[in-house]
N, C-alpha and C. Protein backbone atom coordinates (compact mmCIF):
# COMPACT_ATOMS: atom_id res chain seq x y z
N MET A 1 -33.59 -25.74 30.54
CA MET A 1 -35.03 -25.80 30.44
C MET A 1 -35.56 -24.95 31.46
N LYS A 2 -36.70 -24.27 31.13
CA LYS A 2 -37.42 -23.32 32.03
C LYS A 2 -38.35 -24.20 32.99
N GLN A 3 -38.34 -23.90 34.27
CA GLN A 3 -39.23 -24.53 35.17
C GLN A 3 -40.00 -23.67 36.03
N VAL A 4 -41.14 -24.01 36.59
CA VAL A 4 -41.95 -23.17 37.39
C VAL A 4 -42.07 -23.88 38.80
N PHE A 5 -41.60 -23.21 39.85
CA PHE A 5 -41.78 -23.69 41.19
C PHE A 5 -42.85 -22.89 41.96
N ILE A 6 -43.80 -23.40 42.39
CA ILE A 6 -44.97 -22.66 43.24
C ILE A 6 -44.70 -23.04 44.56
N ASN A 7 -44.43 -22.23 45.55
CA ASN A 7 -44.34 -22.45 46.91
C ASN A 7 -45.53 -22.01 47.68
N LEU A 8 -46.06 -23.03 48.54
CA LEU A 8 -47.15 -22.82 49.31
C LEU A 8 -47.02 -23.12 50.73
N ALA A 9 -47.40 -22.30 51.70
CA ALA A 9 -47.39 -22.48 53.05
C ALA A 9 -48.67 -23.40 53.35
N VAL A 10 -48.18 -24.40 54.10
CA VAL A 10 -49.29 -25.35 54.54
C VAL A 10 -49.11 -25.63 56.02
N LYS A 11 -50.27 -25.85 56.66
CA LYS A 11 -50.29 -26.08 58.22
C LYS A 11 -49.93 -27.58 58.50
N ASP A 12 -50.42 -28.60 57.66
CA ASP A 12 -50.10 -29.84 57.87
C ASP A 12 -49.38 -30.55 56.60
N LEU A 13 -48.05 -30.65 56.67
CA LEU A 13 -47.22 -31.13 55.54
C LEU A 13 -47.78 -32.55 55.09
N LYS A 14 -47.95 -33.48 55.87
CA LYS A 14 -48.25 -34.75 55.52
C LYS A 14 -49.62 -34.81 54.85
N LYS A 15 -50.68 -34.12 55.46
CA LYS A 15 -52.02 -34.10 54.98
C LYS A 15 -52.12 -33.57 53.52
N SER A 16 -51.22 -32.35 53.36
CA SER A 16 -51.23 -31.52 52.11
C SER A 16 -50.60 -32.52 51.05
N MET A 17 -49.41 -33.20 51.55
CA MET A 17 -48.86 -34.07 50.47
C MET A 17 -49.75 -35.26 50.05
N ASP A 18 -50.51 -35.75 50.79
CA ASP A 18 -51.54 -36.83 50.53
C ASP A 18 -52.57 -36.22 49.58
N PHE A 19 -52.92 -35.01 49.90
CA PHE A 19 -54.01 -34.37 49.10
C PHE A 19 -53.54 -34.18 47.72
N TYR A 20 -52.27 -33.48 47.53
CA TYR A 20 -51.75 -33.29 46.19
C TYR A 20 -51.38 -34.61 45.44
N THR A 21 -51.09 -35.61 46.23
CA THR A 21 -50.77 -36.88 45.51
C THR A 21 -52.19 -37.44 44.82
N GLU A 22 -53.33 -37.22 45.56
CA GLU A 22 -54.65 -37.58 44.98
C GLU A 22 -54.91 -36.79 43.80
N LEU A 23 -54.50 -35.54 43.71
CA LEU A 23 -54.82 -34.75 42.47
C LEU A 23 -53.81 -35.13 41.35
N GLY A 24 -52.80 -35.94 41.54
CA GLY A 24 -52.01 -36.37 40.49
C GLY A 24 -50.53 -36.04 40.57
N PHE A 25 -50.08 -35.23 41.56
CA PHE A 25 -48.81 -34.84 41.77
C PHE A 25 -48.00 -36.05 42.27
N THR A 26 -46.78 -36.20 41.99
CA THR A 26 -45.85 -37.15 42.68
C THR A 26 -44.80 -36.58 43.44
N ASN A 27 -44.24 -37.27 44.55
CA ASN A 27 -43.37 -36.51 45.46
C ASN A 27 -41.83 -36.75 44.78
N ASN A 28 -41.12 -35.69 44.90
CA ASN A 28 -39.68 -35.85 44.58
C ASN A 28 -38.86 -35.82 45.79
N PRO A 29 -38.67 -36.93 46.35
CA PRO A 29 -37.81 -37.04 47.58
C PRO A 29 -36.55 -36.44 47.68
N GLN A 30 -35.93 -36.05 46.55
CA GLN A 30 -34.57 -35.57 46.54
C GLN A 30 -34.81 -34.03 47.05
N PHE A 31 -35.96 -33.31 46.82
CA PHE A 31 -36.06 -31.97 47.37
C PHE A 31 -37.15 -31.96 48.50
N SER A 32 -37.18 -32.98 49.30
CA SER A 32 -38.25 -33.00 50.34
C SER A 32 -37.52 -33.40 51.63
N ASP A 33 -38.16 -32.98 52.69
CA ASP A 33 -37.64 -33.22 54.05
C ASP A 33 -38.74 -33.04 55.00
N ASP A 34 -38.41 -32.91 56.28
CA ASP A 34 -39.50 -32.76 57.43
C ASP A 34 -40.23 -31.32 57.34
N SER A 35 -39.63 -30.46 56.52
CA SER A 35 -40.39 -29.12 56.57
C SER A 35 -40.67 -28.71 55.19
N ALA A 36 -40.51 -29.63 54.13
CA ALA A 36 -40.93 -29.26 52.67
C ALA A 36 -40.96 -30.41 51.95
N LYS A 37 -42.03 -30.49 50.97
CA LYS A 37 -42.36 -31.58 50.12
C LYS A 37 -42.34 -31.03 48.80
N CYS A 38 -41.63 -31.61 47.89
CA CYS A 38 -41.46 -31.22 46.40
C CYS A 38 -42.49 -32.08 45.75
N MET A 39 -43.49 -31.45 45.18
CA MET A 39 -44.48 -32.35 44.47
C MET A 39 -44.54 -31.96 42.94
N VAL A 40 -44.43 -32.95 42.08
CA VAL A 40 -44.17 -32.75 40.79
C VAL A 40 -45.37 -33.05 39.85
N TRP A 41 -45.70 -31.87 39.14
CA TRP A 41 -46.86 -31.98 38.16
C TRP A 41 -46.40 -32.53 36.75
N SER A 42 -45.28 -31.85 36.33
CA SER A 42 -44.67 -32.24 34.97
C SER A 42 -43.15 -32.00 35.03
N ASP A 43 -42.53 -32.17 34.02
CA ASP A 43 -40.96 -31.90 33.96
C ASP A 43 -40.75 -30.39 34.06
N ALA A 44 -41.70 -29.66 34.07
CA ALA A 44 -41.44 -28.28 34.17
C ALA A 44 -42.10 -27.59 35.35
N ILE A 45 -43.05 -28.25 36.01
CA ILE A 45 -43.90 -27.60 37.00
C ILE A 45 -43.81 -28.33 38.32
N TYR A 46 -43.30 -27.63 39.41
CA TYR A 46 -43.13 -28.20 40.65
C TYR A 46 -44.04 -27.44 41.72
N LEU A 47 -44.44 -28.18 42.66
CA LEU A 47 -45.10 -27.48 43.79
C LEU A 47 -44.41 -27.90 45.05
N MET A 48 -43.92 -26.71 45.70
CA MET A 48 -43.09 -26.82 47.02
C MET A 48 -44.17 -26.59 48.20
N LEU A 49 -44.54 -27.58 48.91
CA LEU A 49 -45.21 -27.66 50.27
C LEU A 49 -44.46 -27.25 51.25
N LEU A 50 -44.56 -26.11 51.95
CA LEU A 50 -43.71 -25.75 53.00
C LEU A 50 -44.31 -25.56 54.22
N THR A 51 -43.89 -25.99 55.45
CA THR A 51 -44.43 -25.63 56.71
C THR A 51 -44.36 -24.05 56.80
N HIS A 52 -45.12 -23.64 57.64
CA HIS A 52 -45.14 -22.17 57.93
C HIS A 52 -43.75 -21.66 58.42
N GLN A 53 -43.23 -22.53 59.25
CA GLN A 53 -41.81 -22.13 59.68
C GLN A 53 -40.79 -22.02 58.54
N LYS A 54 -40.87 -22.99 57.70
CA LYS A 54 -40.00 -23.01 56.50
C LYS A 54 -40.28 -21.93 55.58
N PHE A 55 -41.46 -21.79 55.31
CA PHE A 55 -41.91 -20.70 54.13
C PHE A 55 -41.56 -19.33 54.83
N SER A 56 -41.58 -19.15 56.24
CA SER A 56 -41.19 -17.76 56.84
C SER A 56 -39.76 -17.48 56.45
N THR A 57 -38.89 -18.40 56.26
CA THR A 57 -37.50 -18.20 55.97
C THR A 57 -37.19 -17.57 54.65
N PHE A 58 -38.17 -17.47 53.79
CA PHE A 58 -38.00 -16.97 52.49
C PHE A 58 -38.70 -15.63 52.31
N THR A 59 -39.34 -15.15 53.29
CA THR A 59 -40.00 -13.79 53.29
C THR A 59 -40.02 -13.03 54.57
N ALA A 60 -40.08 -11.70 54.49
CA ALA A 60 -40.34 -11.01 55.70
C ALA A 60 -41.81 -10.67 55.90
N LYS A 61 -42.64 -10.92 54.93
CA LYS A 61 -44.17 -10.64 55.10
C LYS A 61 -44.79 -11.79 55.88
N ASN A 62 -45.87 -11.35 56.30
CA ASN A 62 -46.78 -12.32 57.02
C ASN A 62 -47.28 -13.39 56.04
N ILE A 63 -47.65 -14.66 56.48
CA ILE A 63 -48.21 -15.67 55.66
C ILE A 63 -49.68 -15.27 55.51
N ALA A 64 -50.36 -15.27 54.32
CA ALA A 64 -51.70 -14.96 54.07
C ALA A 64 -52.58 -15.95 54.76
N ASP A 65 -53.67 -15.58 55.31
CA ASP A 65 -54.79 -16.71 55.65
C ASP A 65 -55.56 -16.94 54.36
N THR A 66 -55.16 -17.96 53.62
CA THR A 66 -55.70 -18.33 52.43
C THR A 66 -57.10 -18.94 52.55
N LYS A 67 -57.57 -19.31 53.87
CA LYS A 67 -58.85 -19.86 54.07
C LYS A 67 -59.81 -18.73 53.88
N GLY A 68 -59.48 -17.41 54.15
CA GLY A 68 -60.50 -16.40 54.11
C GLY A 68 -60.11 -15.32 53.16
N ASN A 69 -58.82 -15.48 52.58
CA ASN A 69 -58.43 -14.45 51.62
C ASN A 69 -57.85 -15.21 50.53
N ILE A 70 -58.02 -14.65 49.26
CA ILE A 70 -57.34 -15.30 48.20
C ILE A 70 -55.98 -14.54 47.90
N ALA A 71 -55.01 -15.37 47.67
CA ALA A 71 -53.59 -14.80 47.43
C ALA A 71 -53.18 -15.23 46.13
N GLY A 72 -53.88 -16.05 45.35
CA GLY A 72 -53.54 -16.33 43.98
C GLY A 72 -54.48 -17.50 43.44
N LEU A 73 -54.60 -17.59 42.27
CA LEU A 73 -55.29 -18.67 41.57
C LEU A 73 -54.34 -19.42 40.66
N PHE A 74 -54.28 -20.68 40.94
CA PHE A 74 -53.34 -21.50 40.18
C PHE A 74 -54.14 -22.38 39.25
N SER A 75 -53.66 -22.51 38.05
CA SER A 75 -54.56 -23.26 37.00
C SER A 75 -53.73 -24.51 36.46
N LEU A 76 -54.45 -25.47 36.24
CA LEU A 76 -53.83 -26.82 35.66
C LEU A 76 -54.59 -27.11 34.41
N SER A 77 -53.86 -27.17 33.24
CA SER A 77 -54.55 -27.63 32.05
C SER A 77 -54.32 -29.14 31.91
N VAL A 78 -55.37 -29.73 31.47
CA VAL A 78 -55.34 -31.29 31.33
C VAL A 78 -55.92 -31.60 29.97
N GLY A 79 -55.82 -32.85 29.55
CA GLY A 79 -56.18 -33.22 28.24
C GLY A 79 -57.60 -33.47 27.92
N SER A 80 -58.54 -33.58 28.92
CA SER A 80 -59.83 -33.88 28.66
C SER A 80 -60.83 -33.40 29.83
N LEU A 81 -62.11 -33.26 29.48
CA LEU A 81 -62.96 -33.12 30.54
C LEU A 81 -63.17 -34.22 31.70
N ASP A 82 -62.92 -35.42 31.11
CA ASP A 82 -62.93 -36.62 32.00
C ASP A 82 -61.78 -36.38 33.03
N GLU A 83 -60.67 -35.92 32.56
CA GLU A 83 -59.39 -35.83 33.52
C GLU A 83 -59.73 -34.58 34.44
N VAL A 84 -60.48 -33.55 33.96
CA VAL A 84 -60.69 -32.59 34.90
C VAL A 84 -61.56 -33.09 36.05
N ASN A 85 -62.65 -33.83 35.65
CA ASN A 85 -63.54 -34.41 36.67
C ASN A 85 -62.82 -35.36 37.61
N GLN A 86 -62.04 -36.33 37.00
CA GLN A 86 -61.32 -37.23 37.83
C GLN A 86 -60.47 -36.59 38.90
N ILE A 87 -59.73 -35.57 38.61
CA ILE A 87 -58.73 -34.84 39.38
C ILE A 87 -59.56 -34.16 40.55
N VAL A 88 -60.55 -33.50 40.14
CA VAL A 88 -61.35 -32.82 41.20
C VAL A 88 -62.16 -33.75 42.07
N GLU A 89 -62.75 -34.77 41.53
CA GLU A 89 -63.34 -35.69 42.32
C GLU A 89 -62.37 -36.39 43.33
N ASN A 90 -61.11 -36.70 42.91
CA ASN A 90 -60.20 -37.33 43.78
C ASN A 90 -59.60 -36.26 44.92
N GLY A 91 -59.68 -35.06 44.58
CA GLY A 91 -59.52 -33.96 45.50
C GLY A 91 -60.60 -33.87 46.57
N LEU A 92 -61.74 -33.99 46.09
CA LEU A 92 -62.92 -33.91 47.15
C LEU A 92 -62.97 -35.18 47.93
N LYS A 93 -62.60 -36.35 47.48
CA LYS A 93 -62.53 -37.58 48.30
C LYS A 93 -61.26 -37.34 49.36
N ALA A 94 -60.26 -36.60 49.03
CA ALA A 94 -59.20 -36.45 49.83
C ALA A 94 -59.40 -35.34 50.82
N GLY A 95 -60.55 -34.73 50.79
CA GLY A 95 -60.86 -33.69 51.87
C GLY A 95 -60.92 -32.12 51.37
N GLY A 96 -60.73 -32.08 50.03
CA GLY A 96 -60.70 -30.61 49.49
C GLY A 96 -62.20 -30.20 49.33
N VAL A 97 -62.28 -28.95 48.85
CA VAL A 97 -63.65 -28.26 48.77
C VAL A 97 -63.70 -27.56 47.42
N GLU A 98 -64.93 -27.90 46.80
CA GLU A 98 -65.17 -27.26 45.46
C GLU A 98 -65.87 -26.00 45.69
N PRO A 99 -65.29 -24.71 45.74
CA PRO A 99 -65.89 -23.55 46.24
C PRO A 99 -66.92 -22.90 45.31
N VAL A 100 -66.78 -23.14 43.96
CA VAL A 100 -67.57 -22.71 42.91
C VAL A 100 -68.10 -23.72 42.04
N GLU A 101 -69.23 -23.55 41.22
CA GLU A 101 -69.71 -24.58 40.33
C GLU A 101 -68.88 -24.76 39.05
N PHE A 102 -69.04 -25.82 38.60
CA PHE A 102 -68.53 -26.06 37.07
C PHE A 102 -68.75 -25.03 36.22
N LYS A 103 -67.70 -24.57 35.49
CA LYS A 103 -68.04 -23.51 34.33
C LYS A 103 -67.59 -24.05 33.02
N ASP A 104 -68.53 -23.80 32.14
CA ASP A 104 -68.42 -24.09 30.73
C ASP A 104 -68.48 -22.84 29.92
N TYR A 105 -67.30 -22.57 29.23
CA TYR A 105 -67.23 -21.49 28.28
C TYR A 105 -67.27 -21.86 26.84
N SER A 106 -67.85 -23.10 26.52
CA SER A 106 -67.88 -23.72 25.28
C SER A 106 -66.67 -24.34 24.79
N PHE A 107 -65.43 -23.38 24.85
CA PHE A 107 -64.23 -23.88 24.38
C PHE A 107 -63.49 -24.43 25.54
N MET A 108 -63.80 -24.19 26.72
CA MET A 108 -63.03 -24.49 27.97
C MET A 108 -64.06 -24.94 28.92
N GLN A 109 -63.88 -25.99 29.70
CA GLN A 109 -64.53 -26.48 30.89
C GLN A 109 -63.52 -26.34 32.14
N GLN A 110 -64.05 -25.99 33.20
CA GLN A 110 -63.37 -25.74 34.32
C GLN A 110 -64.02 -26.12 35.61
N ARG A 111 -63.24 -26.77 36.59
CA ARG A 111 -63.66 -26.97 37.96
C ARG A 111 -62.68 -26.39 38.89
N THR A 112 -63.11 -26.10 40.08
CA THR A 112 -62.02 -25.41 41.02
C THR A 112 -62.01 -26.26 42.32
N ILE A 113 -60.82 -26.50 43.01
CA ILE A 113 -60.60 -27.20 44.13
C ILE A 113 -59.73 -26.42 45.03
N GLU A 114 -60.13 -26.42 46.30
CA GLU A 114 -59.27 -25.80 47.33
C GLU A 114 -58.71 -26.82 48.16
N ASP A 115 -57.45 -26.70 48.66
CA ASP A 115 -56.83 -27.60 49.56
C ASP A 115 -57.24 -27.23 51.01
N PHE A 116 -56.66 -27.88 52.05
CA PHE A 116 -57.00 -27.70 53.43
C PHE A 116 -56.56 -26.34 54.00
N ASP A 117 -55.71 -25.65 53.32
CA ASP A 117 -55.35 -24.27 53.70
C ASP A 117 -56.01 -23.25 52.86
N GLY A 118 -56.81 -23.58 51.72
CA GLY A 118 -57.70 -22.50 50.99
C GLY A 118 -56.81 -22.13 49.70
N HIS A 119 -55.74 -22.80 49.35
CA HIS A 119 -55.07 -22.57 48.16
C HIS A 119 -56.00 -22.99 47.06
N THR A 120 -56.23 -22.27 46.05
CA THR A 120 -57.35 -22.52 44.97
C THR A 120 -56.72 -22.87 43.75
N TRP A 121 -57.04 -23.96 43.10
CA TRP A 121 -56.64 -24.56 41.84
C TRP A 121 -57.84 -24.73 40.88
N GLU A 122 -57.67 -24.26 39.79
CA GLU A 122 -58.54 -24.23 38.78
C GLU A 122 -58.10 -25.38 37.80
N VAL A 123 -58.75 -26.53 37.53
CA VAL A 123 -58.33 -27.51 36.78
C VAL A 123 -59.32 -27.33 35.45
N PHE A 124 -58.63 -27.22 34.28
CA PHE A 124 -59.47 -26.99 33.12
C PHE A 124 -59.10 -27.72 31.90
N TYR A 125 -59.99 -27.94 30.94
CA TYR A 125 -59.70 -28.48 29.62
C TYR A 125 -60.19 -27.48 28.62
N MET A 126 -59.31 -27.24 27.58
CA MET A 126 -59.60 -26.35 26.68
C MET A 126 -59.40 -26.98 25.19
N ASP A 127 -60.42 -26.96 24.35
CA ASP A 127 -60.39 -27.42 22.94
C ASP A 127 -60.09 -26.00 22.23
N ILE A 128 -58.83 -25.99 21.74
CA ILE A 128 -58.35 -24.73 20.98
C ILE A 128 -59.22 -24.56 19.66
N SER A 129 -59.67 -25.69 19.07
CA SER A 129 -60.47 -25.57 17.84
C SER A 129 -61.87 -24.83 18.13
N LYS A 130 -62.29 -24.85 19.37
CA LYS A 130 -63.58 -24.24 19.65
C LYS A 130 -63.49 -22.77 20.09
N ILE A 131 -62.28 -22.12 20.17
CA ILE A 131 -62.14 -20.82 20.62
C ILE A 131 -62.77 -19.88 19.47
N PRO A 132 -63.59 -18.86 20.08
CA PRO A 132 -64.16 -17.97 19.08
C PRO A 132 -63.03 -17.19 18.30
N GLU A 133 -63.17 -16.97 17.22
CA GLU A 133 -62.32 -16.17 16.31
C GLU A 133 -62.18 -14.61 16.71
N GLU A 134 -63.18 -14.10 17.38
CA GLU A 134 -63.18 -12.56 17.61
C GLU A 134 -62.58 -12.48 18.88
């Protein structure tokens, strides 16, 4: 099976784990310790929250300041607009920020949430039957 692991440098591991739990991720303690938390979105998608010290062991580059600079956009597809709204609202209640307004492309609705470190997630619902044919 192919899997995707997204590694994010975070300043406060517990606070970040709590935030992602509110978004709907679950913790896999088998791959978690005091410097890293493995958060599961699905059988194929995992989010590794790593302290800056731990993250630095994987790269010689400086860690980006994602509060002021974008390093990547991560997108999560869900099954309904209600689910989009619920996930983002949970993230806002947990202390996240919604940096841009709701977007409606007729076939796709999207909201955006940022975590405490500025990592940006687009949560969207897409109705394939409404995609323009051109």
